[in-house]
Amino acid sequence: MIALFSSEYCCSVGATAGKNDELTITEALRDPLIAIVMRADGVTSEEFKRLLEAAARELKANLANSSSPPAGG
């Protein structure tokens, strides 16, 4: 199950975190390897957090839309 709430949005980044292979946004922001890449790319933690939260909101909306029955049907 994907957690899509507040700072616990999940984002797949190919690393192991707990019982599944997805990190929450909080975990991604604390990951030392991600921090090194962000620093090299000149990306702040706040910018990265906003990007991940926006992507999670879009994913949640897309999932909600795809599970809704078609209009008029």
N, C-alpha and C. Protein backbone atom coordinates (compact mmCIF):
# COMPACT_ATOMS: atom_id res chain seq x y z
N MET A 1 0.84 -1.18 0.00
CA MET A 1 0.00 0.00 0.00
C MET A 1 0.89 1.25 0.00
N ILE A 2 0.53 2.22 -0.79
CA ILE A 2 1.31 3.45 -0.87
C ILE A 2 0.73 4.47 0.10
N ALA A 3 1.60 5.02 0.94
CA ALA A 3 1.17 6.08 1.85
C ALA A 3 1.23 7.40 1.09
N LEU A 4 0.12 8.08 0.99
CA LEU A 4 0.06 9.32 0.24
C LEU A 4 -0.44 10.46 1.11
N PHE A 5 0.13 10.61 2.28
CA PHE A 5 -0.33 11.62 3.20
C PHE A 5 0.82 12.46 3.72
N SER A 6 0.69 13.77 3.69
CA SER A 6 1.62 14.72 4.28
C SER A 6 3.05 14.41 3.86
N SER A 7 3.97 14.40 4.83
CA SER A 7 5.37 14.14 4.50
C SER A 7 5.65 12.66 4.38
N GLU A 8 4.63 11.84 4.46
CA GLU A 8 4.82 10.40 4.32
C GLU A 8 4.41 9.89 2.94
N TYR A 9 4.37 10.79 1.96
CA TYR A 9 4.18 10.34 0.59
C TYR A 9 5.30 9.37 0.27
N CYS A 10 5.01 8.38 -0.53
CA CYS A 10 6.07 7.45 -0.93
C CYS A 10 6.56 7.83 -2.32
N CYS A 11 7.82 7.60 -2.52
CA CYS A 11 8.39 7.82 -3.84
C CYS A 11 9.34 6.68 -4.13
N SER A 12 9.19 6.05 -5.25
CA SER A 12 10.05 4.93 -5.59
C SER A 12 11.40 5.45 -6.04
N VAL A 13 12.43 5.05 -5.33
CA VAL A 13 13.77 5.49 -5.69
C VAL A 13 14.73 4.31 -5.76
N GLY A 14 14.21 3.10 -5.73
CA GLY A 14 15.04 1.92 -5.90
C GLY A 14 15.88 1.55 -4.70
N ALA A 15 15.59 2.05 -3.54
CA ALA A 15 16.33 1.71 -2.33
C ALA A 15 15.40 0.97 -1.37
N THR A 16 15.98 0.26 -0.44
CA THR A 16 15.17 -0.49 0.52
C THR A 16 14.94 0.35 1.76
N ALA A 17 13.69 0.43 2.16
CA ALA A 17 13.33 1.15 3.38
C ALA A 17 12.26 0.35 4.09
N GLY A 18 12.61 -0.28 5.15
CA GLY A 18 11.63 -1.06 5.90
C GLY A 18 11.22 -2.31 5.18
N LYS A 19 9.90 -2.49 5.03
CA LYS A 19 9.37 -3.73 4.48
C LYS A 19 9.17 -3.71 2.97
N ASN A 20 9.38 -2.56 2.33
CA ASN A 20 9.20 -2.50 0.88
C ASN A 20 10.39 -1.80 0.24
N ASP A 21 10.33 -1.59 -1.05
CA ASP A 21 11.47 -0.99 -1.75
C ASP A 21 11.23 0.48 -2.08
N GLU A 22 10.36 1.14 -1.33
CA GLU A 22 10.09 2.55 -1.56
C GLU A 22 10.42 3.37 -0.32
N LEU A 23 10.97 4.54 -0.54
CA LEU A 23 11.24 5.46 0.56
C LEU A 23 10.11 6.46 0.68
N THR A 24 9.84 6.87 1.90
CA THR A 24 8.94 8.00 2.07
C THR A 24 9.73 9.25 1.71
N ILE A 25 9.06 10.36 1.56
CA ILE A 25 9.76 11.62 1.28
C ILE A 25 10.72 11.94 2.41
N THR A 26 10.27 11.74 3.64
CA THR A 26 11.13 12.00 4.80
C THR A 26 12.39 11.16 4.73
N GLU A 27 12.25 9.89 4.41
CA GLU A 27 13.42 9.00 4.32
C GLU A 27 14.34 9.41 3.17
N ALA A 28 13.75 9.81 2.05
CA ALA A 28 14.56 10.23 0.90
C ALA A 28 15.37 11.48 1.24
N LEU A 29 14.75 12.39 1.98
CA LEU A 29 15.45 13.63 2.35
C LEU A 29 16.57 13.37 3.35
N ARG A 30 16.50 12.28 4.07
CA ARG A 30 17.54 11.93 5.06
C ARG A 30 18.61 11.01 4.49
N ASP A 31 18.40 10.50 3.29
CA ASP A 31 19.34 9.54 2.71
C ASP A 31 20.65 10.22 2.34
N PRO A 32 21.79 9.70 2.82
CA PRO A 32 23.08 10.37 2.56
C PRO A 32 23.48 10.36 1.08
N LEU A 33 23.18 9.30 0.35
CA LEU A 33 23.54 9.26 -1.06
C LEU A 33 22.71 10.26 -1.86
N ILE A 34 21.43 10.35 -1.57
CA ILE A 34 20.58 11.34 -2.23
C ILE A 34 21.08 12.74 -1.90
N ALA A 35 21.48 12.97 -0.65
CA ALA A 35 22.01 14.28 -0.25
C ALA A 35 23.25 14.66 -1.05
N ILE A 36 24.12 13.70 -1.30
CA ILE A 36 25.34 13.96 -2.08
C ILE A 36 24.98 14.36 -3.51
N VAL A 37 24.04 13.64 -4.10
CA VAL A 37 23.62 13.95 -5.48
C VAL A 37 22.93 15.31 -5.53
N MET A 38 22.09 15.60 -4.54
CA MET A 38 21.42 16.90 -4.51
C MET A 38 22.45 18.03 -4.39
N ARG A 39 23.43 17.84 -3.53
CA ARG A 39 24.46 18.86 -3.36
C ARG A 39 25.22 19.07 -4.66
N ALA A 40 25.57 17.98 -5.34
CA ALA A 40 26.30 18.07 -6.61
C ALA A 40 25.46 18.77 -7.68
N ASP A 41 24.14 18.58 -7.62
CA ASP A 41 23.25 19.18 -8.60
C ASP A 41 22.77 20.57 -8.21
N GLY A 42 23.12 21.01 -7.01
CA GLY A 42 22.70 22.33 -6.55
C GLY A 42 21.22 22.39 -6.20
N VAL A 43 20.67 21.28 -5.72
CA VAL A 43 19.26 21.22 -5.36
C VAL A 43 19.15 21.23 -3.83
N THR A 44 18.30 22.10 -3.30
CA THR A 44 18.12 22.15 -1.85
C THR A 44 17.12 21.07 -1.41
N SER A 45 17.16 20.76 -0.13
CA SER A 45 16.22 19.79 0.43
C SER A 45 14.78 20.26 0.25
N GLU A 46 14.55 21.56 0.43
CA GLU A 46 13.20 22.10 0.28
C GLU A 46 12.71 21.97 -1.17
N GLU A 47 13.57 22.25 -2.13
CA GLU A 47 13.19 22.10 -3.55
C GLU A 47 12.85 20.65 -3.86
N PHE A 48 13.68 19.73 -3.37
CA PHE A 48 13.48 18.30 -3.62
C PHE A 48 12.18 17.83 -2.96
N LYS A 49 11.93 18.31 -1.73
CA LYS A 49 10.71 17.95 -1.02
C LYS A 49 9.48 18.42 -1.79
N ARG A 50 9.50 19.67 -2.27
CA ARG A 50 8.36 20.20 -3.04
C ARG A 50 8.14 19.38 -4.31
N LEU A 51 9.23 19.01 -4.99
CA LEU A 51 9.13 18.20 -6.20
C LEU A 51 8.48 16.84 -5.90
N LEU A 52 8.95 16.17 -4.86
CA LEU A 52 8.40 14.86 -4.51
C LEU A 52 6.94 14.95 -4.08
N GLU A 53 6.60 15.98 -3.30
CA GLU A 53 5.21 16.14 -2.87
C GLU A 53 4.29 16.43 -4.06
N ALA A 54 4.76 17.24 -5.00
CA ALA A 54 3.95 17.53 -6.19
C ALA A 54 3.75 16.26 -7.02
N ALA A 55 4.80 15.47 -7.16
CA ALA A 55 4.70 14.21 -7.92
C ALA A 55 3.75 13.25 -7.22
N ALA A 56 3.81 13.19 -5.89
CA ALA A 56 2.92 12.31 -5.14
C ALA A 56 1.46 12.75 -5.27
N ARG A 57 1.22 14.06 -5.22
CA ARG A 57 -0.15 14.56 -5.40
C ARG A 57 -0.68 14.20 -6.78
N GLU A 58 0.16 14.37 -7.79
CA GLU A 58 -0.26 14.04 -9.16
C GLU A 58 -0.54 12.55 -9.30
N LEU A 59 0.31 11.72 -8.70
CA LEU A 59 0.10 10.28 -8.73
C LEU A 59 -1.20 9.91 -8.04
N LYS A 60 -1.45 10.51 -6.88
CA LYS A 60 -2.68 10.23 -6.15
C LYS A 60 -3.90 10.63 -6.98
N ALA A 61 -3.85 11.78 -7.63
CA ALA A 61 -4.97 12.23 -8.47
C ALA A 61 -5.17 11.30 -9.65
N ASN A 62 -4.08 10.89 -10.28
CA ASN A 62 -4.18 9.98 -11.43
C ASN A 62 -4.75 8.63 -11.01
N LEU A 63 -4.32 8.14 -9.84
CA LEU A 63 -4.85 6.86 -9.36
C LEU A 63 -6.34 6.98 -9.04
N ALA A 64 -6.75 8.10 -8.45
CA ALA A 64 -8.16 8.32 -8.14
C ALA A 64 -8.99 8.40 -9.42
N ASN A 65 -8.46 9.08 -10.43
CA ASN A 65 -9.19 9.22 -11.69
C ASN A 65 -9.29 7.90 -12.42
N SER A 66 -8.25 7.08 -12.35
CA SER A 66 -8.28 5.81 -13.08
C SER A 66 -9.16 4.77 -12.40
N SER A 67 -9.45 4.95 -11.10
CA SER A 67 -10.30 4.00 -10.40
C SER A 67 -11.76 4.43 -10.39
N SER A 68 -12.07 5.63 -10.88
CA SER A 68 -13.44 6.10 -10.95
C SER A 68 -14.12 5.51 -12.18
N PRO A 69 -15.41 5.15 -12.04
CA PRO A 69 -16.12 4.64 -13.22
C PRO A 69 -16.30 5.75 -14.25
N PRO A 70 -16.34 5.39 -15.52
CA PRO A 70 -16.53 6.39 -16.58
C PRO A 70 -17.86 7.13 -16.41
N ALA A 71 -17.88 8.38 -16.77
CA ALA A 71 -19.09 9.20 -16.67
C ALA A 71 -20.16 8.65 -17.63
N GLY A 72 -21.38 8.58 -17.14
CA GLY A 72 -22.49 8.12 -17.98
C GLY A 72 -22.51 6.62 -18.16
N GLY A 73 -21.69 5.89 -17.39
CA GLY A 73 -21.65 4.45 -17.63
C GLY A 73 -21.91 3.69 -16.46
